[in-house]
Amino acid sequence: MMSEMMRIQIDLPRDIFELLKQRGEARGVTPAQQILEMLTLYLKEQDDPILRADDPIFNIAGATGSGVGDLSTHHDRYLYRKASP
């Protein structure tokens, strides 16, 4: 059973579209079919397609230091100028 199809419009650079068109002509499929197949494979292979363990964003954590040795345990003191219990 095929799921309901939803229409979406995207803009592609001309060179990418031409590559899809050439590849499709050689294989007998449309650019839309290729894009659908690629997205399906990509999404099924990824646990989290947005963030992965090797994502460079994770290199930011710990990249700088505060110089405060007890920041993790007394963060309220520094954030809200409150005494810690």
Protein backbone atom coordinates (compact mmCIF):
# COMPACT_ATOMS: atom_id res chain seq x y z
CA MET A 1 0.00 0.00 0.00
CA MET A 2 1.45 3.36 -1.03
CA SER A 3 1.24 6.22 1.45
CA GLU A 4 -0.45 9.49 0.58
CA MET A 5 1.83 11.73 -1.48
CA MET A 6 2.32 15.37 -0.58
CA ARG A 7 3.48 17.96 -3.10
CA ILE A 8 6.55 20.03 -2.25
CA GLN A 9 8.44 22.55 -4.33
CA ILE A 10 12.20 23.06 -3.97
CA ASP A 11 14.74 25.15 -5.83
CA LEU A 12 17.84 23.35 -7.06
CA PRO A 13 20.97 24.80 -8.62
CA ARG A 14 20.89 24.23 -12.38
CA ASP A 15 24.00 22.01 -12.31
CA ILE A 16 22.42 19.68 -9.71
CA PHE A 17 19.21 19.49 -11.72
CA GLU A 18 21.17 18.67 -14.88
CA LEU A 19 23.01 15.88 -13.07
CA LEU A 20 19.71 14.45 -11.84
CA LYS A 21 18.26 14.71 -15.33
CA GLN A 22 21.26 12.95 -16.95
CA ARG A 23 21.31 10.24 -14.30
CA GLY A 24 17.57 9.78 -14.66
CA GLU A 25 17.70 9.46 -18.44
CA ALA A 26 20.35 6.75 -18.11
CA ARG A 27 18.27 4.84 -15.54
CA GLY A 28 14.78 5.61 -16.79
CA VAL A 29 13.62 7.57 -13.74
CA THR A 30 12.56 11.16 -13.19
CA PRO A 31 14.44 13.67 -11.03
CA ALA A 32 11.51 13.57 -8.57
CA GLN A 33 11.77 9.78 -8.24
CA GLN A 34 15.50 10.05 -7.60
CA ILE A 35 15.05 12.72 -4.94
CA LEU A 36 12.37 10.66 -3.20
CA GLU A 37 14.59 7.57 -3.23
CA MET A 38 17.60 9.51 -1.92
CA LEU A 39 15.61 11.13 0.89
CA THR A 40 14.08 7.82 1.87
CA LEU A 41 17.49 6.12 2.06
CA TYR A 42 19.02 9.04 3.94
CA LEU A 43 16.26 9.21 6.53
CA LYS A 44 16.19 5.44 7.10
CA GLU A 45 19.97 5.28 7.62
CA GLN A 46 20.07 8.07 10.19
CA ASP A 47 19.01 7.73 13.81
CA ASP A 48 18.84 11.50 13.98
CA PRO A 49 19.26 13.06 10.54
CA ILE A 50 19.80 16.51 11.98
CA LEU A 51 22.44 15.98 14.67
CA ARG A 52 24.96 13.16 14.67
CA ALA A 53 27.68 12.31 17.18
CA ASP A 54 30.37 13.62 14.81
CA ASP A 55 28.55 16.92 14.16
CA PRO A 56 31.03 19.82 14.52
CA ILE A 57 28.57 21.66 16.78
CA PHE A 58 29.59 19.34 19.60
CA ASN A 59 33.17 20.66 19.41
CA ILE A 60 31.91 23.95 20.83
CA ALA A 61 31.20 22.47 24.26
CA GLY A 62 34.23 22.97 26.44
CA ALA A 63 36.04 25.02 23.81
CA THR A 64 36.46 27.86 26.29
CA GLY A 65 36.67 27.98 30.05
CA SER A 66 35.14 30.28 32.63
CA GLY A 67 38.06 30.10 34.99
CA VAL A 68 35.58 29.35 37.78
CA GLY A 69 36.31 25.96 39.32
CA ASP A 70 32.92 25.41 40.97
CA LEU A 71 30.66 26.67 38.18
CA SER A 72 28.90 23.36 37.60
CA THR A 73 27.95 22.90 41.24
CA HIS A 74 27.24 26.54 42.15
CA HIS A 75 25.85 27.85 38.86
CA ASP A 76 22.88 29.57 40.57
CA ARG A 77 25.31 31.71 42.53
CA TYR A 78 26.86 32.98 39.29
CA LEU A 79 23.69 33.22 37.24
CA TYR A 80 21.33 34.73 39.78
CA ARG A 81 23.78 36.03 42.41
CA LYS A 82 22.12 33.74 44.95
CA ALA A 83 23.82 31.89 47.74
CA SER A 84 23.99 28.13 47.14
CA PRO A 85 22.53 25.86 49.85
